[in-house]
Amino acid sequence: MLRKNKIDVELVDSILKTKAELNVASKNFEQAEGELIDYYLYQIKAHKAKLDYLIKEVKKKGFSLDMINELKLRIS
């Protein structure tokens, strides 16, 4: 049985992927024209909402974002 306060690797992975997707959507928004502006705004809002949710989940488990960043550096 896993320890209760062990970092959930899938949760960390989701945070890292969502942050990357948010960065891509933001960069695409900067280049967007016409109807694509609304599309990328929607993506940015969706990724931010997902990231907020995931961060709340991490905090519920008693971890800080500093721990995630440290883990990210170890994985890279």
C-alpha atoms as a PDB file:
ATOM      1  CA  MET A   1       0.000   0.000   0.000  1.00  0.00           C
ATOM      2  CA  LEU A   2       1.312   3.450  -0.932  1.00  0.00           C
ATOM      3  CA  ARG A   3       1.912   6.070   1.722  1.00  0.00           C
ATOM      4  CA  LYS A   4      -0.960   8.516   2.011  1.00  0.00           C
ATOM      5  CA  ASN A   5       1.225  11.611   1.562  1.00  0.00           C
ATOM      6  CA  LYS A   6       3.291  10.367  -1.372  1.00  0.00           C
ATOM      7  CA  ILE A   7       3.102  12.604  -4.441  1.00  0.00           C
ATOM      8  CA  ASP A   8       0.749  11.200  -7.069  1.00  0.00           C
ATOM      9  CA  VAL A   9       2.913  10.934 -10.188  1.00  0.00           C
ATOM     10  CA  GLU A  10      -0.105  11.088 -12.505  1.00  0.00           C
ATOM     11  CA  LEU A  11      -1.272  14.306 -10.843  1.00  0.00           C
ATOM     12  CA  VAL A  12       2.155  15.886 -11.236  1.00  0.00           C
ATOM     13  CA  ASP A  13       2.305  14.724 -14.851  1.00  0.00           C
ATOM     14  CA  SER A  14      -1.116  16.271 -15.511  1.00  0.00           C
ATOM     15  CA  ILE A  15       0.037  19.580 -14.040  1.00  0.00           C
ATOM     16  CA  LEU A  16       3.171  19.633 -16.173  1.00  0.00           C
ATOM     17  CA  LYS A  17       1.252  18.723 -19.344  1.00  0.00           C
ATOM     18  CA  THR A  18      -1.452  21.296 -18.648  1.00  0.00           C
ATOM     19  CA  LYS A  19       1.148  24.011 -18.067  1.00  0.00           C
ATOM     20  CA  ALA A  20       2.792  23.102 -21.382  1.00  0.00           C
ATOM     21  CA  GLU A  21      -0.579  23.128 -23.193  1.00  0.00           C
ATOM     22  CA  LEU A  22      -1.375  26.527 -21.648  1.00  0.00           C
ATOM     23  CA  ASN A  23       1.948  27.896 -22.886  1.00  0.00           C
ATOM     24  CA  VAL A  24       1.273  26.609 -26.415  1.00  0.00           C
ATOM     25  CA  ALA A  25      -2.246  28.072 -26.429  1.00  0.00           C
ATOM     26  CA  SER A  26      -0.887  31.427 -25.215  1.00  0.00           C
ATOM     27  CA  LYS A  27       1.764  31.502 -27.942  1.00  0.00           C
ATOM     28  CA  ASN A  28      -0.790  30.537 -30.581  1.00  0.00           C
ATOM     29  CA  PHE A  29      -3.119  33.271 -29.304  1.00  0.00           C
ATOM     30  CA  GLU A  30      -0.380  35.838 -29.876  1.00  0.00           C
ATOM     31  CA  GLN A  31      -0.229  34.793 -33.545  1.00  0.00           C
ATOM     32  CA  ALA A  32      -3.975  34.251 -34.041  1.00  0.00           C
ATOM     33  CA  GLU A  33      -6.220  36.214 -36.366  1.00  0.00           C
ATOM     34  CA  GLY A  34      -9.958  36.284 -36.922  1.00  0.00           C
ATOM     35  CA  GLU A  35     -12.013  33.482 -35.413  1.00  0.00           C
ATOM     36  CA  LEU A  36      -8.936  31.724 -34.114  1.00  0.00           C
ATOM     37  CA  ILE A  37      -8.617  34.427 -31.448  1.00  0.00           C
ATOM     38  CA  ASP A  38     -11.805  33.152 -29.768  1.00  0.00           C
ATOM     39  CA  TYR A  39     -10.646  29.555 -30.124  1.00  0.00           C
ATOM     40  CA  TYR A  40      -7.337  30.182 -28.381  1.00  0.00           C
ATOM     41  CA  LEU A  41      -8.995  32.313 -25.693  1.00  0.00           C
ATOM     42  CA  TYR A  42     -11.281  29.360 -24.975  1.00  0.00           C
ATOM     43  CA  GLN A  43      -8.287  27.010 -24.794  1.00  0.00           C
ATOM     44  CA  ILE A  44      -6.424  29.357 -22.447  1.00  0.00           C
ATOM     45  CA  LYS A  45      -9.440  29.614 -20.127  1.00  0.00           C
ATOM     46  CA  ALA A  46      -9.942  25.845 -20.173  1.00  0.00           C
ATOM     47  CA  HIS A  47      -6.292  25.105 -19.404  1.00  0.00           C
ATOM     48  CA  LYS A  48      -6.248  27.686 -16.595  1.00  0.00           C
ATOM     49  CA  ALA A  49      -9.381  26.147 -15.060  1.00  0.00           C
ATOM     50  CA  LYS A  50      -7.849  22.668 -15.249  1.00  0.00           C
ATOM     51  CA  LEU A  51      -4.586  23.913 -13.764  1.00  0.00           C
ATOM     52  CA  ASP A  52      -6.444  25.605 -10.893  1.00  0.00           C
ATOM     53  CA  TYR A  53      -8.269  22.350 -10.178  1.00  0.00           C
ATOM     54  CA  LEU A  54      -5.077  20.282 -10.260  1.00  0.00           C
ATOM     55  CA  ILE A  55      -3.273  22.733  -7.974  1.00  0.00           C
ATOM     56  CA  LYS A  56      -6.139  22.501  -5.466  1.00  0.00           C
ATOM     57  CA  GLU A  57      -5.841  18.717  -5.573  1.00  0.00           C
ATOM     58  CA  VAL A  58      -2.113  18.921  -4.854  1.00  0.00           C
ATOM     59  CA  LYS A  59      -2.700  21.285  -1.936  1.00  0.00           C
ATOM     60  CA  LYS A  60      -5.404  18.945  -0.545  1.00  0.00           C
ATOM     61  CA  LYS A  61      -2.759  16.231  -0.409  1.00  0.00           C
ATOM     62  CA  GLY A  62      -0.484  18.548   1.560  1.00  0.00           C
ATOM     63  CA  PHE A  63       2.091  19.321  -1.097  1.00  0.00           C
ATOM     64  CA  SER A  64       3.341  22.624  -2.397  1.00  0.00           C
ATOM     65  CA  LEU A  65       4.104  23.710  -5.933  1.00  0.00           C
ATOM     66  CA  ASP A  66       7.760  24.018  -4.947  1.00  0.00           C
ATOM     67  CA  MET A  67       7.781  20.251  -4.454  1.00  0.00           C
ATOM     68  CA  ILE A  68       6.341  19.758  -7.944  1.00  0.00           C
ATOM     69  CA  ASN A  69       8.920  22.070  -9.498  1.00  0.00           C
ATOM     70  CA  GLU A  70      11.664  20.201  -7.658  1.00  0.00           C
ATOM     71  CA  LEU A  71      10.284  16.883  -8.905  1.00  0.00           C
ATOM     72  CA  LYS A  72      10.060  18.294 -12.446  1.00  0.00           C
ATOM     73  CA  LEU A  73      13.755  19.161 -12.304  1.00  0.00           C
ATOM     74  CA  ARG A  74      14.583  15.636 -11.159  1.00  0.00           C
ATOM     75  CA  ILE A  75      12.530  14.073 -13.966  1.00  0.00           C
ATOM     76  CA  SER A  76      14.023  16.291 -16.696  1.00  0.00           C
END
